[in-house]
Each structure stands twice: as C-alpha cells, then as structure tokens.
Amino acid sequence: MAGKLTAGSGILLVTANVGSLFEDLDNLQKTWLREFYQALGSCYFLHESLKNIHQFDFKAKKFKKVVGKEIYSDTLESTPMLEKEKFPQNYFPECKWSRKGFIRTRWALADCAFDLVNIHLFHDASNILAREKSPSVYSGMRQKALGFVLDRITDQRFEKVPYFVFGDFNFRLDTRQVIESLCSTATMQTVRVGDTNEVEKLIFRESENDRKVVLQLEKKLFNYINQDVFRENNGALFLQFDSELSCFKERLHELEISFPPSYPYSEDSSQGKQYMDTRCPAWCDRVLMSATAKDLVLKPENEEKYLVYDNIGPNVCMGDHKPVYLSFRLTAGAGKPNANKHKCCNVQ
C-alpha cells in the first residue's frame, strides 16, 4: 500500500495457490516472483506515509495501531490478530483430513474498516462424478462451506464491516452443461470396470469425420480436442456455465471477469499458456466482496485506471493456478462509518 491519504491509498488483493511451485522450484520460483514484483511494485509493506493504520485484535475486540514490524512464529491460532477456522469434517466426508477453511483479518485504513478473508474450498475429486448431475455434488459441498464462512464473518460477535473474500474457491464450470455444449453432435461411449461395473471412462466421438474422438473423460482426465476454445476471448463463451456464485448474489459481488480460466495450467515452465488435460478449465481463483465493499471499490472518484481485476503472469508459467488480483484506490473517508463507528473497535 502506498501514497498519501489525501491522494488515496493503493490496495492490491492477490490470491495465489502456490502448491505446484514446489514441484519445480528451480524453474518456477524466479518467474513467479518476477511477475509478482511487477504486480506489487516491489512493495510489501504499509508505506510510512500512512500514519493511521490499525489492525483488529479479535480477543480484545478493539483496533491496535500498526507500528514497526510484527513477526508471528507460533501457530496462527495463537495470535489474536486474526480469526482462523477449518471447515467441519462432515462438510467433506470424502476427505479424512484437510486444512481447508478460512482466515480473517480486520484493518482500519483511511477512516475505513474492512475485513480481508482468505478462503480455500474443496475441489472436484472426479470428473466422472462431476458430470452426473447439474449442478454437481461438489458444487453443493462448496456452497455449504461458503455459506458457513459468510455466516461466520457476519455473525453478532463483532461489528459488521465491508469484507473482501478471496482465494481458491475451486469454483468449477457446470461440467454436465459444458460437455453438452462441446459435444452436442457427438455420441458417447461408456467404458466400465469389469469387476464393479463402475464407469471408468467416457469417450465422445463425432458422428461423422471418421468418428474422431472429441472428448475423453476420466476421473482425472478432461482431454478435449481443441483446448484453444477456453482461451479465445478470455473464455467468455464459458462464463454462462460459471454459476456457483448465483445463490450468493445478494451477499457476494464481483467485478466483470475479463481473463481466461485461472486453472489448471501446465506446470511445465516452458508452457505458460497451456492448460493441463486433467480438469475442465475454470475460474477457481476469485476476489469477491460484500455490497458495502463494492461501494468502496466503485466510488465515483476511483478512476478506471486504478481499478483492475485480472490475473498475473498470463504468458508465463505460474504453476497450475494463475494468481488473480483486484487493485483499486481507497480514498480517505470513503467508508467513514456513522457515529457508532468505534462501538466495538475502541481504536487506540
């Protein structure tokens, strides 16, 4: 964050799933960091010109002024400056153990308090199962988990403030509808496992043209004949199948998506634009916001040049996820609360 309060404070929210970096750290780390340096302007700290920055202490239920440098080396649960929860185990019964959940921090900047909530939802374990119905069983699981997070961060324990929720939501396109669209004139062949009769593979062939294979679908394979369709016009054709947010339209908002699906990119350091054939490309990584946060972002004085929702490293390998960011200016006093603004904050 940089700049004087009178000119507005630059805010950059980035979500990046970095797990695949460690598969080829020697080749990927340098590229990944270079692209991040360009996005962040090599700035990782609150600029010294910002004199009145506060962070919320969830235990004391009040804001504390940010000064100097703080390093937390113990478990995250031990610090009162954030709220961290994992999802209840019964939300995802297929997974015996998981770290997935959310972390919330609360900040006061330029006379405006807001929450930053980082989230990681569960993935589609099987392409075959994801295709069985529309919406898929996995979509329902993610809906339940996201609802849990929203209920938790807006309950009565703390004063409500604008919030940004960003991370790897693992949102997927409606697999069944996408396949029906891509393979509308194809015929489907089902391959089953002999012992269990379980569906192992689905093969979609053209009715003519020597019955060429259009799509081959397995548990962890989504091999479509023309991968370029997901990159054309930033994948705009497939936004109609991106529907997992629809049931949260009153609670979560998003700027217009104008970048290609953020997952699953090749982890080959020489293939920056290539998708892997493991899953149907989808916008898994997002930056979402409450209605009050959207009002902050879309203030009339927030010039278009300062308002960007995009991905990072579109032409180079960043791992299997392209990081996604939202950049905007927060004008001093933009979110100035009412007379009760310090009711639960007790800024000191």
Protein backbone atom coordinates (compact mmCIF):
# COMPACT_ATOMS: atom_id res chain seq x y z
CA MET A 1 0.00 0.00 0.00
CA ALA A 2 1.46 3.37 -0.92
CA GLY A 3 0.64 7.03 -1.28
CA LYS A 4 -0.63 9.79 0.97
CA LEU A 5 -4.14 9.60 2.35
CA THR A 6 -5.13 12.75 0.55
CA ALA A 7 -4.40 11.10 -2.79
CA GLY A 8 -5.94 7.77 -1.90
CA SER A 9 -4.33 4.55 -0.79
CA GLY A 10 -3.45 1.83 -3.28
CA ILE A 11 -4.92 -1.56 -2.40
CA LEU A 12 -3.85 -4.80 -4.09
CA LEU A 13 -5.55 -8.07 -3.13
CA VAL A 14 -3.92 -11.17 -4.64
CA THR A 15 -4.98 -14.81 -4.41
CA ALA A 16 -2.39 -17.40 -5.47
CA ASN A 17 -2.44 -21.16 -4.98
CA VAL A 18 1.30 -21.85 -4.71
CA GLY A 19 1.31 -25.62 -4.10
CA SER A 20 2.57 -26.59 -7.54
CA LEU A 21 5.55 -24.22 -7.29
CA PHE A 22 7.32 -26.78 -5.16
CA GLU A 23 7.12 -29.40 -7.89
CA ASP A 24 9.73 -27.48 -9.92
CA LEU A 25 11.01 -24.75 -7.63
CA ASP A 26 14.27 -24.13 -9.51
CA ASN A 27 12.48 -23.23 -12.74
CA LEU A 28 9.22 -21.74 -11.47
CA GLN A 29 10.23 -19.62 -8.48
CA LYS A 30 12.20 -16.98 -10.40
CA THR A 31 9.42 -16.47 -12.98
CA TRP A 32 6.72 -16.47 -10.31
CA LEU A 33 8.50 -13.85 -8.18
CA ARG A 34 9.32 -11.68 -11.21
CA GLU A 35 5.66 -11.49 -12.18
CA PHE A 36 4.66 -10.74 -8.60
CA TYR A 37 7.23 -7.98 -8.33
CA GLN A 38 5.62 -6.32 -11.36
CA ALA A 39 2.17 -6.55 -9.78
CA LEU A 40 3.25 -5.43 -6.34
CA GLY A 41 5.72 -2.80 -7.45
CA SER A 42 8.27 -4.47 -5.15
CA CYS A 43 6.28 -3.10 -2.21
CA TYR A 44 5.28 -5.47 0.56
CA PHE A 45 4.79 -3.11 3.46
CA LEU A 46 2.49 -0.35 4.68
CA HIS A 47 4.10 2.81 3.40
CA GLU A 48 5.46 5.13 6.09
CA SER A 49 3.28 7.96 4.75
CA LEU A 50 0.23 6.06 6.03
CA LYS A 51 0.25 7.29 9.60
CA ASN A 52 -3.03 5.97 10.91
CA ILE A 53 -3.25 2.24 10.24
CA HIS A 54 -4.90 -0.09 12.71
CA GLN A 55 -5.38 -3.86 12.88
CA PHE A 56 -8.14 -5.53 14.85
CA ASP A 57 -7.44 -7.66 17.91
CA PHE A 58 -10.19 -10.29 17.88
CA LYS A 59 -9.54 -11.24 21.51
CA ALA A 60 -9.56 -7.73 22.94
CA LYS A 61 -12.24 -6.67 20.43
CA LYS A 62 -10.50 -3.42 19.56
CA PHE A 63 -8.17 -1.99 16.96
CA LYS A 64 -4.48 -1.56 17.68
CA LYS A 65 -2.23 0.84 15.86
CA VAL A 66 0.20 -0.79 13.43
CA VAL A 67 3.75 0.31 14.22
CA GLY A 68 7.15 -1.17 13.50
CA LYS A 69 7.29 -4.81 12.48
CA GLU A 70 5.42 -7.78 13.88
CA ILE A 71 6.54 -11.38 13.38
CA TYR A 72 4.35 -14.28 14.48
CA SER A 73 6.29 -17.52 14.60
CA ASP A 74 3.90 -19.64 16.67
CA THR A 75 0.81 -21.37 15.31
CA LEU A 76 -1.66 -18.98 13.73
CA GLU A 77 -4.29 -19.94 16.31
CA SER A 78 -2.12 -18.32 18.99
CA THR A 79 -2.33 -14.78 17.63
CA PRO A 80 -5.37 -12.63 18.46
CA MET A 81 -4.84 -10.54 15.32
CA LEU A 82 -6.68 -12.99 13.09
CA GLU A 83 -9.55 -15.43 13.12
CA LYS A 84 -8.92 -18.87 11.61
CA GLU A 85 -11.27 -21.82 11.24
CA LYS A 86 -11.28 -25.10 9.36
CA PHE A 87 -14.49 -26.44 7.89
CA PRO A 88 -16.43 -29.03 9.90
CA GLN A 89 -15.29 -32.53 8.92
CA ASN A 90 -18.80 -33.61 7.88
CA TYR A 91 -18.84 -30.94 5.17
CA PHE A 92 -16.46 -33.04 3.07
CA PRO A 93 -16.80 -36.66 4.25
CA GLU A 94 -14.59 -37.97 1.42
CA CYS A 95 -11.60 -36.13 2.90
CA LYS A 96 -10.20 -37.70 6.07
CA TRP A 97 -8.01 -34.68 6.87
CA SER A 98 -7.83 -31.20 5.46
CA ARG A 99 -6.51 -27.72 6.16
CA LYS A 100 -9.21 -26.07 4.10
CA GLY A 101 -11.12 -23.26 5.74
CA PHE A 102 -10.69 -19.50 6.10
CA ILE A 103 -8.56 -16.81 7.78
CA ARG A 104 -9.90 -13.35 8.56
CA THR A 105 -8.04 -10.16 9.45
CA ARG A 106 -9.61 -6.74 10.01
CA TRP A 107 -7.98 -3.43 9.13
CA ALA A 108 -8.71 0.28 9.54
CA LEU A 109 -7.23 2.44 6.81
CA ALA A 110 -8.15 5.93 5.62
CA ASP A 111 -11.06 6.13 8.08
CA CYS A 112 -12.43 2.87 6.75
CA ALA A 113 -12.60 -0.53 8.45
CA PHE A 114 -12.77 -3.69 6.34
CA ASP A 115 -12.20 -7.44 6.61
CA LEU A 116 -9.84 -9.45 4.41
CA VAL A 117 -10.95 -13.09 4.33
CA ASN A 118 -8.76 -15.69 2.65
CA ILE A 119 -10.56 -18.91 1.74
CA HIS A 120 -9.83 -22.34 0.28
CA LEU A 121 -12.72 -24.60 -0.73
CA PHE A 122 -12.70 -28.23 -1.83
CA HIS A 123 -12.05 -29.40 -5.38
CA ASP A 124 -13.83 -31.78 -7.73
CA ALA A 125 -12.44 -35.22 -6.88
CA SER A 126 -13.77 -36.89 -10.03
CA ASN A 127 -14.71 -35.54 -13.46
CA ILE A 128 -16.98 -38.55 -13.94
CA LEU A 129 -18.94 -37.79 -10.78
CA ALA A 130 -18.99 -34.04 -11.52
CA ARG A 131 -20.76 -34.75 -14.82
CA GLU A 132 -23.51 -36.93 -13.35
CA LYS A 133 -25.86 -34.09 -12.47
CA SER A 134 -26.23 -30.34 -12.83
CA PRO A 135 -25.19 -28.71 -10.55
CA SER A 136 -22.68 -31.31 -9.36
CA VAL A 137 -22.46 -32.80 -5.90
CA TYR A 138 -19.18 -30.94 -5.42
CA SER A 139 -20.85 -27.63 -6.19
CA GLY A 140 -23.32 -28.30 -3.39
CA MET A 141 -20.49 -29.02 -0.95
CA ARG A 142 -18.73 -25.76 -1.83
CA GLN A 143 -22.00 -23.85 -1.50
CA LYS A 144 -22.45 -25.18 2.03
CA ALA A 145 -18.88 -24.33 3.02
CA LEU A 146 -19.01 -20.81 1.57
CA GLY A 147 -22.29 -20.20 3.36
CA PHE A 148 -20.60 -21.30 6.58
CA VAL A 149 -17.85 -18.69 6.08
CA LEU A 150 -20.26 -15.86 5.26
CA ASP A 151 -22.44 -16.65 8.26
CA ARG A 152 -19.38 -16.75 10.49
CA ILE A 153 -17.88 -13.44 9.39
CA THR A 154 -21.23 -11.61 9.63
CA ASP A 155 -22.48 -13.01 12.94
CA GLN A 156 -23.09 -10.93 16.07
CA ARG A 157 -19.68 -11.36 17.72
CA PHE A 158 -18.17 -8.32 16.04
CA GLU A 159 -19.39 -5.16 14.38
CA LYS A 160 -20.20 -5.68 10.69
CA VAL A 161 -17.79 -4.01 8.26
CA PRO A 162 -17.23 -4.30 4.49
CA TYR A 163 -15.41 -7.50 3.59
CA PHE A 164 -13.37 -8.99 0.76
CA VAL A 165 -13.30 -12.77 0.34
CA PHE A 166 -10.54 -14.06 -1.91
CA GLY A 167 -8.67 -17.30 -2.53
CA ASP A 168 -9.03 -20.63 -4.27
CA PHE A 169 -12.79 -21.19 -4.22
CA ASN A 170 -12.35 -24.18 -6.53
CA PHE A 171 -15.45 -22.97 -8.39
CA ARG A 172 -15.92 -25.11 -11.49
CA LEU A 173 -17.95 -24.72 -14.62
CA ASP A 174 -21.08 -26.86 -14.71
CA THR A 175 -19.37 -29.95 -16.13
CA ARG A 176 -22.51 -31.54 -17.49
CA GLN A 177 -23.60 -28.38 -19.33
CA VAL A 178 -20.11 -27.72 -20.70
CA ILE A 179 -19.87 -31.24 -22.13
CA GLU A 180 -23.33 -30.96 -23.66
CA SER A 181 -22.22 -27.72 -25.33
CA LEU A 182 -18.86 -29.01 -26.55
CA CYS A 183 -20.14 -32.42 -27.65
CA SER A 184 -23.65 -31.59 -28.86
CA THR A 185 -23.28 -33.63 -32.06
CA ALA A 186 -21.09 -36.38 -30.63
CA THR A 187 -22.03 -39.86 -29.49
CA MET A 188 -20.94 -41.14 -26.08
CA GLN A 189 -19.24 -44.45 -25.35
CA THR A 190 -19.14 -45.66 -21.74
CA VAL A 191 -16.24 -47.81 -20.53
CA ARG A 192 -16.78 -49.64 -17.24
CA VAL A 193 -14.54 -51.53 -14.83
CA GLY A 194 -15.23 -55.23 -15.19
CA ASP A 195 -15.36 -56.17 -11.50
CA THR A 196 -17.51 -53.33 -10.18
CA ASN A 197 -19.28 -52.05 -13.31
CA GLU A 198 -18.17 -48.58 -12.23
CA VAL A 199 -17.80 -46.00 -15.01
CA GLU A 200 -14.09 -45.67 -15.75
CA LYS A 201 -14.13 -43.60 -18.92
CA LEU A 202 -16.47 -41.67 -21.20
CA ILE A 203 -15.48 -41.21 -24.84
CA PHE A 204 -17.30 -38.70 -27.06
CA ARG A 205 -16.90 -39.22 -30.80
CA GLU A 206 -18.01 -37.23 -33.81
CA SER A 207 -20.91 -38.88 -35.62
CA GLU A 208 -19.04 -38.41 -38.91
CA ASN A 209 -15.45 -37.43 -39.77
CA ASP A 210 -14.19 -40.99 -39.12
CA ARG A 211 -15.72 -40.85 -35.64
CA LYS A 212 -12.87 -38.73 -34.35
CA VAL A 213 -12.63 -38.51 -30.54
CA VAL A 214 -13.80 -35.06 -29.39
CA LEU A 215 -13.51 -35.53 -25.64
CA GLN A 216 -12.19 -38.24 -23.36
CA LEU A 217 -13.31 -38.03 -19.74
CA GLU A 218 -11.89 -39.95 -16.78
CA LYS A 219 -11.69 -39.33 -13.05
CA LYS A 220 -8.69 -37.04 -13.50
CA LEU A 221 -8.73 -36.54 -17.26
CA PHE A 222 -10.54 -33.92 -19.33
CA ASN A 223 -8.97 -34.23 -22.76
CA TYR A 224 -10.80 -32.02 -25.26
CA ILE A 225 -9.77 -31.89 -28.89
CA ASN A 226 -9.46 -28.08 -29.09
CA GLN A 227 -8.19 -26.55 -25.88
CA ASP A 228 -7.94 -23.11 -27.54
CA VAL A 229 -11.69 -22.54 -27.08
CA PHE A 230 -11.08 -21.89 -23.38
CA ARG A 231 -8.62 -19.09 -24.18
CA GLU A 232 -10.49 -17.41 -27.05
CA ASN A 233 -11.90 -14.03 -25.99
CA ASN A 234 -10.69 -14.81 -22.45
CA GLY A 235 -13.05 -17.76 -22.26
CA ALA A 236 -16.12 -15.50 -22.39
CA LEU A 237 -18.17 -18.24 -24.09
CA PHE A 238 -17.93 -20.35 -20.92
CA LEU A 239 -18.91 -17.71 -18.36
CA GLN A 240 -22.52 -18.85 -18.83
CA PHE A 241 -21.53 -22.14 -17.16
CA ASP A 242 -19.83 -20.38 -14.24
CA SER A 243 -22.83 -20.43 -11.93
CA GLU A 244 -21.65 -21.39 -8.44
CA LEU A 245 -21.92 -17.80 -7.21
CA SER A 246 -25.53 -17.37 -8.31
CA CYS A 247 -27.03 -18.46 -4.98
CA PHE A 248 -24.91 -15.83 -3.20
CA LYS A 249 -25.80 -12.92 -5.48
CA GLU A 250 -27.29 -10.93 -2.57
CA ARG A 251 -24.23 -11.43 -0.38
CA LEU A 252 -21.21 -11.51 -2.71
CA HIS A 253 -20.27 -9.31 -5.65
CA GLU A 254 -17.53 -9.48 -8.25
CA LEU A 255 -16.19 -7.20 -10.94
CA GLU A 256 -16.51 -8.35 -14.52
CA ILE A 257 -14.20 -11.25 -15.38
CA SER A 258 -12.06 -10.42 -18.40
CA PHE A 259 -9.29 -13.01 -18.06
CA PRO A 260 -9.16 -16.69 -19.06
CA PRO A 261 -9.96 -19.51 -16.62
CA SER A 262 -7.29 -19.49 -13.90
CA TYR A 263 -6.91 -23.29 -13.59
CA PRO A 264 -5.48 -25.89 -14.44
CA TYR A 265 -2.41 -24.56 -16.24
CA SER A 266 0.52 -26.72 -17.23
CA GLU A 267 3.29 -26.92 -14.64
CA ASP A 268 5.87 -27.16 -17.42
CA SER A 269 7.95 -23.99 -17.05
CA SER A 270 8.05 -23.58 -20.85
CA GLN A 271 4.24 -23.77 -21.30
CA GLY A 272 2.88 -20.53 -19.87
CA LYS A 273 -0.46 -20.55 -21.71
CA GLN A 274 -1.17 -24.27 -21.93
CA TYR A 275 -3.86 -25.94 -19.83
CA MET A 276 -3.38 -29.42 -18.42
CA ASP A 277 -5.76 -32.14 -19.57
CA THR A 278 -6.74 -33.02 -16.01
CA ARG A 279 -9.82 -30.83 -15.47
CA CYS A 280 -12.13 -28.60 -17.42
CA PRO A 281 -10.61 -25.09 -17.24
CA ALA A 282 -12.44 -22.90 -14.72
CA TRP A 283 -12.22 -19.65 -12.78
CA CYS A 284 -11.24 -21.22 -9.45
CA ASP A 285 -9.41 -18.17 -8.11
CA ARG A 286 -11.50 -15.09 -7.37
CA VAL A 287 -11.69 -11.83 -5.42
CA LEU A 288 -15.25 -11.28 -4.16
CA MET A 289 -16.73 -8.62 -1.91
CA SER A 290 -19.73 -7.62 0.12
CA ALA A 291 -22.13 -4.96 -1.18
CA THR A 292 -20.57 -2.39 1.16
CA ALA A 293 -17.07 -3.28 -0.05
CA LYS A 294 -18.23 -2.96 -3.66
CA ASP A 295 -19.41 0.56 -2.83
CA LEU A 296 -15.87 1.37 -1.68
CA VAL A 297 -14.28 -0.09 -4.81
CA LEU A 298 -16.72 1.59 -7.21
CA LYS A 299 -16.65 5.08 -5.70
CA PRO A 300 -17.02 7.70 -8.48
CA GLU A 301 -13.61 9.15 -7.68
CA ASN A 302 -11.99 5.73 -8.12
CA GLU A 303 -10.64 6.31 -11.61
CA GLU A 304 -10.80 3.39 -14.02
CA LYS A 305 -7.02 3.31 -14.36
CA TYR A 306 -6.77 2.39 -10.68
CA LEU A 307 -9.44 -0.31 -10.86
CA VAL A 308 -8.14 -3.62 -12.22
CA TYR A 309 -9.40 -7.20 -11.85
CA ASP A 310 -7.05 -9.54 -13.68
CA ASN A 311 -4.62 -12.42 -13.46
CA ILE A 312 -0.84 -12.37 -13.04
CA GLY A 313 1.66 -13.88 -15.46
CA PRO A 314 -0.71 -14.66 -18.35
CA ASN A 315 2.13 -15.61 -20.69
CA VAL A 316 4.47 -17.45 -18.32
CA CYS A 317 4.18 -20.49 -16.07
CA MET A 318 2.97 -19.60 -12.58
CA GLY A 319 2.13 -23.16 -11.55
CA ASP A 320 -1.24 -24.81 -12.09
CA HIS A 321 -3.13 -21.69 -10.89
CA LYS A 322 -2.73 -18.20 -12.33
CA PRO A 323 -2.81 -15.74 -9.41
CA VAL A 324 -5.77 -13.34 -9.58
CA TYR A 325 -5.78 -9.81 -8.17
CA LEU A 326 -8.03 -6.83 -7.54
CA SER A 327 -6.38 -3.41 -7.47
CA PHE A 328 -8.17 -0.18 -6.50
CA ARG A 329 -7.75 3.12 -4.66
CA LEU A 330 -9.22 3.67 -1.23
CA THR A 331 -9.97 7.37 -0.83
CA ALA A 332 -9.64 8.86 2.65
CA GLY A 333 -13.02 8.86 4.36
CA ALA A 334 -14.59 6.73 1.62
CA GLY A 335 -16.08 4.29 4.08
CA LYS A 336 -16.44 6.62 7.03
CA PRO A 337 -18.87 4.92 9.40
CA ASN A 338 -21.57 6.56 11.45
CA ALA A 339 -21.35 7.94 14.97
CA ASN A 340 -21.14 4.43 16.38
CA LYS A 341 -18.02 3.66 14.37
CA HIS A 342 -15.95 2.80 17.43
CA LYS A 343 -18.67 0.86 19.21
CA CYS A 344 -16.69 -2.39 19.04
CA CYS A 345 -13.45 -1.03 17.71
CA ASN A 346 -12.07 1.12 20.50
CA VAL A 347 -9.28 2.47 18.30
CA GLN A 348 -6.29 3.32 20.47
